[in-house]
Amino acid sequence: MTRMLAIFLFVAALAFALGPLATPGFNGFEPDQFPVPQVDPPAQPAGYAFAIWGVIYAWLIIGAGFQLFARHDAEDWQAMRLPLIASLVAGAPWLAVAQMSPIWATVLIWVMWGFAVLAFLRAPRRDDWFGHWPVGLYAGWLTGAASVSLALLAAGYGLTGPLTAALVVLGLALVLGLVIIRARPSAPGFPIALIWALVGVAVANWPDGPVAVLVLAIVGSILLAAFALRRS
């Protein structure tokens, strides 16, 4: 059973990384996918920040390949496999879902996030570069991305304004990040990815975006970095 799950994890990582090839040209939700069009929403990071996905895809495949060939029977790898498989399987069709329905895409990305965080918390203590590093980057970025998706949904369906939505979800991402770092210290991939997302939000709002969003993103990044260093 352990070898079978190791194989499934490797296949799931490959399928997840192939998702963008099946949906070329996707650059995020279109403004007119919402009843209230979302043009330059303040919660969304600058475009360059999404380049982290290339690192995440490649590192997840490398880690999954390592555990398949070198750790397929290791007990300390076993606890992480099932939730990570669940997250990657849910994430493989995410881009296609996002093109059709922001609502279901938001639901799906929070499912991905939940399983990714569980996998991160269960990641093995050894084999840092193949275990908690790639999974931490994945879970950290999803913490920011899932929060942004929630902000777009709230503002796009008129539940609140874009500024309020941005401030609320940035606060949510910050609280979630602090809780997860506290639960799994000395695993820098997670805070690095979440800080990368927050810095991307700050860049997107400089110099013409809402000052409150810019300040919260910068202060949140500093707080996460300080807390992670202290916990490590």
C-alpha atoms as a PDB file:
ATOM      1  CA  MET A   1       0.000   0.000   0.000  1.00  0.00           C
ATOM      2  CA  THR A   2       2.829   2.411   0.780  1.00  0.00           C
ATOM      3  CA  ARG A   3       4.401   1.846  -2.637  1.00  0.00           C
ATOM      4  CA  MET A   4       1.022   2.299  -4.321  1.00  0.00           C
ATOM      5  CA  LEU A   5       0.482   5.654  -2.585  1.00  0.00           C
ATOM      6  CA  ALA A   6       4.011   6.692  -3.556  1.00  0.00           C
ATOM      7  CA  ILE A   7       3.153   5.953  -7.191  1.00  0.00           C
ATOM      8  CA  PHE A   8      -0.166   7.785  -6.932  1.00  0.00           C
ATOM      9  CA  LEU A   9       1.597  10.833  -5.486  1.00  0.00           C
ATOM     10  CA  PHE A  10       4.065  10.974  -8.356  1.00  0.00           C
ATOM     11  CA  VAL A  11       1.298  10.617 -10.943  1.00  0.00           C
ATOM     12  CA  ALA A  12      -0.789  13.292  -9.161  1.00  0.00           C
ATOM     13  CA  ALA A  13       2.166  15.714  -9.175  1.00  0.00           C
ATOM     14  CA  LEU A  14       2.617  15.177 -12.919  1.00  0.00           C
ATOM     15  CA  ALA A  15      -1.103  15.652 -13.589  1.00  0.00           C
ATOM     16  CA  PHE A  16      -1.143  18.804 -11.488  1.00  0.00           C
ATOM     17  CA  ALA A  17       1.809  20.290 -13.370  1.00  0.00           C
ATOM     18  CA  LEU A  18       0.204  19.489 -16.730  1.00  0.00           C
ATOM     19  CA  GLY A  19      -2.915  21.495 -15.832  1.00  0.00           C
ATOM     20  CA  PRO A  20      -1.660  24.767 -17.379  1.00  0.00           C
ATOM     21  CA  LEU A  21      -0.906  22.966 -20.670  1.00  0.00           C
ATOM     22  CA  ALA A  22      -4.562  21.932 -20.903  1.00  0.00           C
ATOM     23  CA  THR A  23      -5.747  25.525 -20.381  1.00  0.00           C
ATOM     24  CA  PRO A  24      -3.259  27.784 -22.207  1.00  0.00           C
ATOM     25  CA  GLY A  25      -3.696  31.524 -21.953  1.00  0.00           C
ATOM     26  CA  PHE A  26      -5.332  31.610 -18.538  1.00  0.00           C
ATOM     27  CA  ASN A  27      -4.293  34.794 -16.726  1.00  0.00           C
ATOM     28  CA  GLY A  28      -6.701  34.829 -13.816  1.00  0.00           C
ATOM     29  CA  PHE A  29     -10.395  35.552 -13.574  1.00  0.00           C
ATOM     30  CA  GLU A  30     -11.760  37.849 -16.255  1.00  0.00           C
ATOM     31  CA  PRO A  31     -13.442  41.010 -14.945  1.00  0.00           C
ATOM     32  CA  ASP A  32     -16.735  40.128 -16.636  1.00  0.00           C
ATOM     33  CA  GLN A  33     -16.937  36.737 -14.940  1.00  0.00           C
ATOM     34  CA  PHE A  34     -18.504  38.590 -12.009  1.00  0.00           C
ATOM     35  CA  PRO A  35     -21.796  40.514 -11.778  1.00  0.00           C
ATOM     36  CA  VAL A  36     -19.678  43.438 -10.550  1.00  0.00           C
ATOM     37  CA  PRO A  37     -16.643  43.418 -12.905  1.00  0.00           C
ATOM     38  CA  GLN A  38     -13.346  43.242 -11.033  1.00  0.00           C
ATOM     39  CA  VAL A  39     -10.847  45.468 -12.813  1.00  0.00           C
ATOM     40  CA  ASP A  40      -7.460  45.696 -11.053  1.00  0.00           C
ATOM     41  CA  PRO A  41      -8.772  44.439  -7.685  1.00  0.00           C
ATOM     42  CA  PRO A  42      -6.522  45.597  -4.820  1.00  0.00           C
ATOM     43  CA  ALA A  43      -6.302  42.103  -3.315  1.00  0.00           C
ATOM     44  CA  GLN A  44      -4.615  40.597  -6.375  1.00  0.00           C
ATOM     45  CA  PRO A  45      -0.793  40.328  -6.497  1.00  0.00           C
ATOM     46  CA  ALA A  46       1.250  41.764  -9.346  1.00  0.00           C
ATOM     47  CA  GLY A  47       1.547  39.508 -12.365  1.00  0.00           C
ATOM     48  CA  TYR A  48       5.192  38.584 -11.787  1.00  0.00           C
ATOM     49  CA  ALA A  49       4.303  36.925  -8.455  1.00  0.00           C
ATOM     50  CA  PHE A  50       2.506  34.090 -10.238  1.00  0.00           C
ATOM     51  CA  ALA A  51       5.848  32.921 -11.651  1.00  0.00           C
ATOM     52  CA  ILE A  52       6.278  31.039  -8.384  1.00  0.00           C
ATOM     53  CA  TRP A  53       3.996  28.384  -9.848  1.00  0.00           C
ATOM     54  CA  GLY A  54       6.837  27.243 -12.118  1.00  0.00           C
ATOM     55  CA  VAL A  55       9.015  26.593  -9.065  1.00  0.00           C
ATOM     56  CA  ILE A  56       6.159  24.874  -7.222  1.00  0.00           C
ATOM     57  CA  TYR A  57       5.292  22.565 -10.126  1.00  0.00           C
ATOM     58  CA  ALA A  58       8.890  21.527 -10.702  1.00  0.00           C
ATOM     59  CA  TRP A  59       9.727  21.057  -7.017  1.00  0.00           C
ATOM     60  CA  LEU A  60       6.605  19.019  -6.316  1.00  0.00           C
ATOM     61  CA  ILE A  61       7.518  16.658  -9.169  1.00  0.00           C
ATOM     62  CA  ILE A  62      11.103  16.367  -7.925  1.00  0.00           C
ATOM     63  CA  GLY A  63       9.922  15.675  -4.367  1.00  0.00           C
ATOM     64  CA  ALA A  64       7.353  13.151  -5.552  1.00  0.00           C
ATOM     65  CA  GLY A  65       9.981  11.425  -7.666  1.00  0.00           C
ATOM     66  CA  PHE A  66      12.390  11.282  -4.730  1.00  0.00           C
ATOM     67  CA  GLN A  67       9.824   9.721  -2.403  1.00  0.00           C
ATOM     68  CA  LEU A  68       8.834   7.187  -5.067  1.00  0.00           C
ATOM     69  CA  PHE A  69      12.346   5.944  -5.768  1.00  0.00           C
ATOM     70  CA  ALA A  70      14.102   6.559  -2.431  1.00  0.00           C
ATOM     71  CA  ARG A  71      11.401   6.657   0.279  1.00  0.00           C
ATOM     72  CA  HIS A  72       8.494   4.572  -0.997  1.00  0.00           C
ATOM     73  CA  ASP A  73       8.576   2.366   2.111  1.00  0.00           C
ATOM     74  CA  ALA A  74       9.488   5.092   4.644  1.00  0.00           C
ATOM     75  CA  GLU A  75       6.983   5.449   7.467  1.00  0.00           C
ATOM     76  CA  ASP A  76       7.716   9.136   8.039  1.00  0.00           C
ATOM     77  CA  TRP A  77       6.677   9.932   4.461  1.00  0.00           C
ATOM     78  CA  GLN A  78       3.438   7.999   4.638  1.00  0.00           C
ATOM     79  CA  ALA A  79       1.336  10.478   6.635  1.00  0.00           C
ATOM     80  CA  MET A  80       1.821  13.253   4.071  1.00  0.00           C
ATOM     81  CA  ARG A  81       0.994  11.274   0.943  1.00  0.00           C
ATOM     82  CA  LEU A  82      -2.784  10.938   1.083  1.00  0.00           C
ATOM     83  CA  PRO A  83      -3.628  14.622   1.808  1.00  0.00           C
ATOM     84  CA  LEU A  84      -1.090  15.797  -0.762  1.00  0.00           C
ATOM     85  CA  ILE A  85      -2.557  13.464  -3.368  1.00  0.00           C
ATOM     86  CA  ALA A  86      -6.034  14.809  -2.553  1.00  0.00           C
ATOM     87  CA  SER A  87      -4.846  18.407  -2.947  1.00  0.00           C
ATOM     88  CA  LEU A  88      -3.068  17.776  -6.241  1.00  0.00           C
ATOM     89  CA  VAL A  89      -5.967  15.795  -7.711  1.00  0.00           C
ATOM     90  CA  ALA A  90      -8.341  18.616  -6.757  1.00  0.00           C
ATOM     91  CA  GLY A  91      -5.916  21.138  -8.240  1.00  0.00           C
ATOM     92  CA  ALA A  92      -5.348  19.430 -11.584  1.00  0.00           C
ATOM     93  CA  PRO A  93      -8.622  20.734 -13.115  1.00  0.00           C
ATOM     94  CA  TRP A  94      -8.615  24.055 -11.234  1.00  0.00           C
ATOM     95  CA  LEU A  95      -7.686  26.242 -14.200  1.00  0.00           C
ATOM     96  CA  ALA A  96     -10.449  24.715 -16.316  1.00  0.00           C
ATOM     97  CA  VAL A  97     -12.948  25.212 -13.495  1.00  0.00           C
ATOM     98  CA  ALA A  98     -11.798  28.818 -13.014  1.00  0.00           C
ATOM     99  CA  GLN A  99     -12.582  29.599 -16.645  1.00  0.00           C
ATOM    100  CA  MET A 100     -16.153  28.434 -16.139  1.00  0.00           C
ATOM    101  CA  SER A 101     -17.106  29.427 -12.591  1.00  0.00           C
ATOM    102  CA  PRO A 102     -15.322  31.685 -10.073  1.00  0.00           C
ATOM    103  CA  ILE A 103     -17.625  30.324  -7.353  1.00  0.00           C
ATOM    104  CA  TRP A 104     -16.658  26.690  -7.854  1.00  0.00           C
ATOM    105  CA  ALA A 105     -13.037  27.677  -8.434  1.00  0.00           C
ATOM    106  CA  THR A 106     -13.026  29.396  -5.038  1.00  0.00           C
ATOM    107  CA  VAL A 107     -14.556  26.360  -3.355  1.00  0.00           C
ATOM    108  CA  LEU A 108     -12.024  24.112  -5.069  1.00  0.00           C
ATOM    109  CA  ILE A 109      -8.981  26.208  -4.163  1.00  0.00           C
ATOM    110  CA  TRP A 110      -9.974  26.130  -0.492  1.00  0.00           C
ATOM    111  CA  VAL A 111     -10.239  22.337  -0.720  1.00  0.00           C
ATOM    112  CA  MET A 112      -6.764  22.308  -2.254  1.00  0.00           C
ATOM    113  CA  TRP A 113      -5.529  24.591   0.521  1.00  0.00           C
ATOM    114  CA  GLY A 114      -6.942  22.459   3.330  1.00  0.00           C
ATOM    115  CA  PHE A 115      -5.333  19.258   2.100  1.00  0.00           C
ATOM    116  CA  ALA A 116      -2.080  21.069   1.239  1.00  0.00           C
ATOM    117  CA  VAL A 117      -1.772  22.479   4.753  1.00  0.00           C
ATOM    118  CA  LEU A 118      -2.509  19.064   6.259  1.00  0.00           C
ATOM    119  CA  ALA A 119       0.190  17.553   4.055  1.00  0.00           C
ATOM    120  CA  PHE A 120       2.620  20.289   5.072  1.00  0.00           C
ATOM    121  CA  LEU A 121       1.981  19.700   8.764  1.00  0.00           C
ATOM    122  CA  ARG A 122       2.576  15.979   8.224  1.00  0.00           C
ATOM    123  CA  ALA A 123       5.666  16.382   6.039  1.00  0.00           C
ATOM    124  CA  PRO A 124       8.699  14.349   7.145  1.00  0.00           C
ATOM    125  CA  ARG A 125      11.274  16.008   9.359  1.00  0.00           C
ATOM    126  CA  ARG A 126      14.168  14.702   7.289  1.00  0.00           C
ATOM    127  CA  ASP A 127      14.805  15.146   3.554  1.00  0.00           C
ATOM    128  CA  ASP A 128      14.016  18.842   3.856  1.00  0.00           C
ATOM    129  CA  TRP A 129      14.580  19.710   0.201  1.00  0.00           C
ATOM    130  CA  PHE A 130      12.285  16.970  -1.045  1.00  0.00           C
ATOM    131  CA  GLY A 131       9.716  16.937   1.776  1.00  0.00           C
ATOM    132  CA  HIS A 132       8.537  20.071   3.538  1.00  0.00           C
ATOM    133  CA  TRP A 133      10.186  22.587   1.177  1.00  0.00           C
ATOM    134  CA  PRO A 134       8.074  21.958  -1.955  1.00  0.00           C
ATOM    135  CA  VAL A 135       4.915  21.230   0.033  1.00  0.00           C
ATOM    136  CA  GLY A 136       5.511  24.325   2.165  1.00  0.00           C
ATOM    137  CA  LEU A 137       5.854  26.542  -0.903  1.00  0.00           C
ATOM    138  CA  TYR A 138       2.670  25.053  -2.305  1.00  0.00           C
ATOM    139  CA  ALA A 139       0.668  25.474   0.916  1.00  0.00           C
ATOM    140  CA  GLY A 140       2.049  28.966   1.544  1.00  0.00           C
ATOM    141  CA  TRP A 141       1.161  30.255  -1.900  1.00  0.00           C
ATOM    142  CA  LEU A 142      -2.293  28.668  -1.683  1.00  0.00           C
ATOM    143  CA  THR A 143      -2.880  30.489   1.603  1.00  0.00           C
ATOM    144  CA  GLY A 144      -2.508  33.749  -0.264  1.00  0.00           C
ATOM    145  CA  ALA A 145      -4.199  32.615  -3.488  1.00  0.00           C
ATOM    146  CA  ALA A 146      -7.260  31.151  -1.784  1.00  0.00           C
ATOM    147  CA  SER A 147      -7.701  34.346   0.213  1.00  0.00           C
ATOM    148  CA  VAL A 148      -7.438  36.478  -2.936  1.00  0.00           C
ATOM    149  CA  SER A 149     -10.015  34.293  -4.661  1.00  0.00           C
ATOM    150  CA  LEU A 150     -12.366  34.845  -1.741  1.00  0.00           C
ATOM    151  CA  ALA A 151     -11.855  38.626  -1.980  1.00  0.00           C
ATOM    152  CA  LEU A 152     -12.659  38.645  -5.701  1.00  0.00           C
ATOM    153  CA  LEU A 153     -15.770  36.584  -5.093  1.00  0.00           C
ATOM    154  CA  ALA A 154     -17.014  38.838  -2.273  1.00  0.00           C
ATOM    155  CA  ALA A 155     -16.450  42.039  -4.245  1.00  0.00           C
ATOM    156  CA  GLY A 156     -17.521  40.530  -7.557  1.00  0.00           C
ATOM    157  CA  TYR A 157     -20.897  39.506  -6.185  1.00  0.00           C
ATOM    158  CA  GLY A 158     -21.459  42.778  -4.392  1.00  0.00           C
ATOM    159  CA  LEU A 159     -21.149  41.431  -0.858  1.00  0.00           C
ATOM    160  CA  THR A 160     -18.649  44.164  -0.050  1.00  0.00           C
ATOM    161  CA  GLY A 161     -16.418  46.672  -1.805  1.00  0.00           C
ATOM    162  CA  PRO A 162     -13.033  45.713  -3.281  1.00  0.00           C
ATOM    163  CA  LEU A 163     -11.108  47.639  -0.605  1.00  0.00           C
ATOM    164  CA  THR A 164     -12.941  46.041   2.318  1.00  0.00           C
ATOM    165  CA  ALA A 165     -12.637  42.613   0.706  1.00  0.00           C
ATOM    166  CA  ALA A 166      -8.894  43.094   0.227  1.00  0.00           C
ATOM    167  CA  LEU A 167      -8.301  44.198   3.810  1.00  0.00           C
ATOM    168  CA  VAL A 168     -10.384  41.355   5.274  1.00  0.00           C
ATOM    169  CA  VAL A 169      -8.768  38.581   3.238  1.00  0.00           C
ATOM    170  CA  LEU A 170      -5.242  39.911   3.745  1.00  0.00           C
ATOM    171  CA  GLY A 171      -5.939  39.831   7.461  1.00  0.00           C
ATOM    172  CA  LEU A 172      -7.286  36.293   7.062  1.00  0.00           C
ATOM    173  CA  ALA A 173      -4.185  35.166   5.159  1.00  0.00           C
ATOM    174  CA  LEU A 174      -1.957  36.721   7.819  1.00  0.00           C
ATOM    175  CA  VAL A 175      -3.775  35.006  10.703  1.00  0.00           C
ATOM    176  CA  LEU A 176      -3.775  31.654   8.918  1.00  0.00           C
ATOM    177  CA  GLY A 177      -0.092  32.067   8.138  1.00  0.00           C
ATOM    178  CA  LEU A 178       0.841  32.800  11.753  1.00  0.00           C
ATOM    179  CA  VAL A 179      -1.161  29.816  13.021  1.00  0.00           C
ATOM    180  CA  ILE A 180       0.403  27.435  10.506  1.00  0.00           C
ATOM    181  CA  ILE A 181       3.950  28.716  11.100  1.00  0.00           C
ATOM    182  CA  ARG A 182       3.411  28.221  14.827  1.00  0.00           C
ATOM    183  CA  ALA A 183       2.246  24.657  14.209  1.00  0.00           C
ATOM    184  CA  ARG A 184       5.160  23.830  11.887  1.00  0.00           C
ATOM    185  CA  PRO A 185       8.186  26.005  12.644  1.00  0.00           C
ATOM    186  CA  SER A 186      11.598  25.568  11.032  1.00  0.00           C
ATOM    187  CA  ALA A 187      10.001  24.891   7.647  1.00  0.00           C
ATOM    188  CA  PRO A 188      10.779  28.053   5.665  1.00  0.00           C
ATOM    189  CA  GLY A 189       9.036  27.191   2.406  1.00  0.00           C
ATOM    190  CA  PHE A 190       5.613  28.096   3.765  1.00  0.00           C
ATOM    191  CA  PRO A 191       6.373  31.607   5.078  1.00  0.00           C
ATOM    192  CA  ILE A 192       8.531  32.415   2.044  1.00  0.00           C
ATOM    193  CA  ALA A 193       5.679  31.648  -0.373  1.00  0.00           C
ATOM    194  CA  LEU A 194       3.089  33.535   1.667  1.00  0.00           C
ATOM    195  CA  ILE A 195       5.398  36.545   2.041  1.00  0.00           C
ATOM    196  CA  TRP A 196       6.009  36.404  -1.719  1.00  0.00           C
ATOM    197  CA  ALA A 197       2.240  36.666  -2.248  1.00  0.00           C
ATOM    198  CA  LEU A 198       1.894  39.601   0.157  1.00  0.00           C
ATOM    199  CA  VAL A 199       4.815  41.454  -1.397  1.00  0.00           C
ATOM    200  CA  GLY A 200       3.149  40.887  -4.774  1.00  0.00           C
ATOM    201  CA  VAL A 201       0.017  42.568  -3.423  1.00  0.00           C
ATOM    202  CA  ALA A 202       2.115  45.488  -2.165  1.00  0.00           C
ATOM    203  CA  VAL A 203       3.794  45.874  -5.569  1.00  0.00           C
ATOM    204  CA  ALA A 204       0.430  45.761  -7.341  1.00  0.00           C
ATOM    205  CA  ASN A 205      -0.832  48.605  -5.159  1.00  0.00           C
ATOM    206  CA  TRP A 206       2.232  50.818  -5.505  1.00  0.00           C
ATOM    207  CA  PRO A 207       1.955  53.747  -6.058  1.00  0.00           C
ATOM    208  CA  ASP A 208      -1.681  54.264  -7.038  1.00  0.00           C
ATOM    209  CA  GLY A 209      -3.536  51.588  -5.062  1.00  0.00           C
ATOM    210  CA  PRO A 210      -5.256  51.964  -1.700  1.00  0.00           C
ATOM    211  CA  VAL A 211      -2.723  52.961   0.965  1.00  0.00           C
ATOM    212  CA  ALA A 212      -4.383  50.714   3.572  1.00  0.00           C
ATOM    213  CA  VAL A 213      -3.851  47.619   1.409  1.00  0.00           C
ATOM    214  CA  LEU A 214      -0.260  48.591   0.661  1.00  0.00           C
ATOM    215  CA  VAL A 215       0.534  49.132   4.349  1.00  0.00           C
ATOM    216  CA  LEU A 216      -1.187  45.922   5.478  1.00  0.00           C
ATOM    217  CA  ALA A 217       0.658  43.863   2.868  1.00  0.00           C
ATOM    218  CA  ILE A 218       4.038  45.319   3.865  1.00  0.00           C
ATOM    219  CA  VAL A 219       3.449  45.106   7.612  1.00  0.00           C
ATOM    220  CA  GLY A 220       2.045  41.592   7.241  1.00  0.00           C
ATOM    221  CA  SER A 221       5.130  40.481   5.318  1.00  0.00           C
ATOM    222  CA  ILE A 222       7.448  41.863   7.996  1.00  0.00           C
ATOM    223  CA  LEU A 223       5.401  40.280  10.774  1.00  0.00           C
ATOM    224  CA  LEU A 224       5.392  36.868   9.091  1.00  0.00           C
ATOM    225  CA  ALA A 225       9.147  37.018   8.484  1.00  0.00           C
ATOM    226  CA  ALA A 226       9.879  38.029  12.074  1.00  0.00           C
ATOM    227  CA  PHE A 227       7.579  35.375  13.505  1.00  0.00           C
ATOM    228  CA  ALA A 228       9.011  32.650  11.293  1.00  0.00           C
ATOM    229  CA  LEU A 229      12.582  33.571  12.235  1.00  0.00           C
ATOM    230  CA  ARG A 230      11.691  33.618  15.919  1.00  0.00           C
ATOM    231  CA  ARG A 231       9.931  30.249  15.751  1.00  0.00           C
ATOM    232  CA  SER A 232      12.846  28.689  13.882  1.00  0.00           C
END
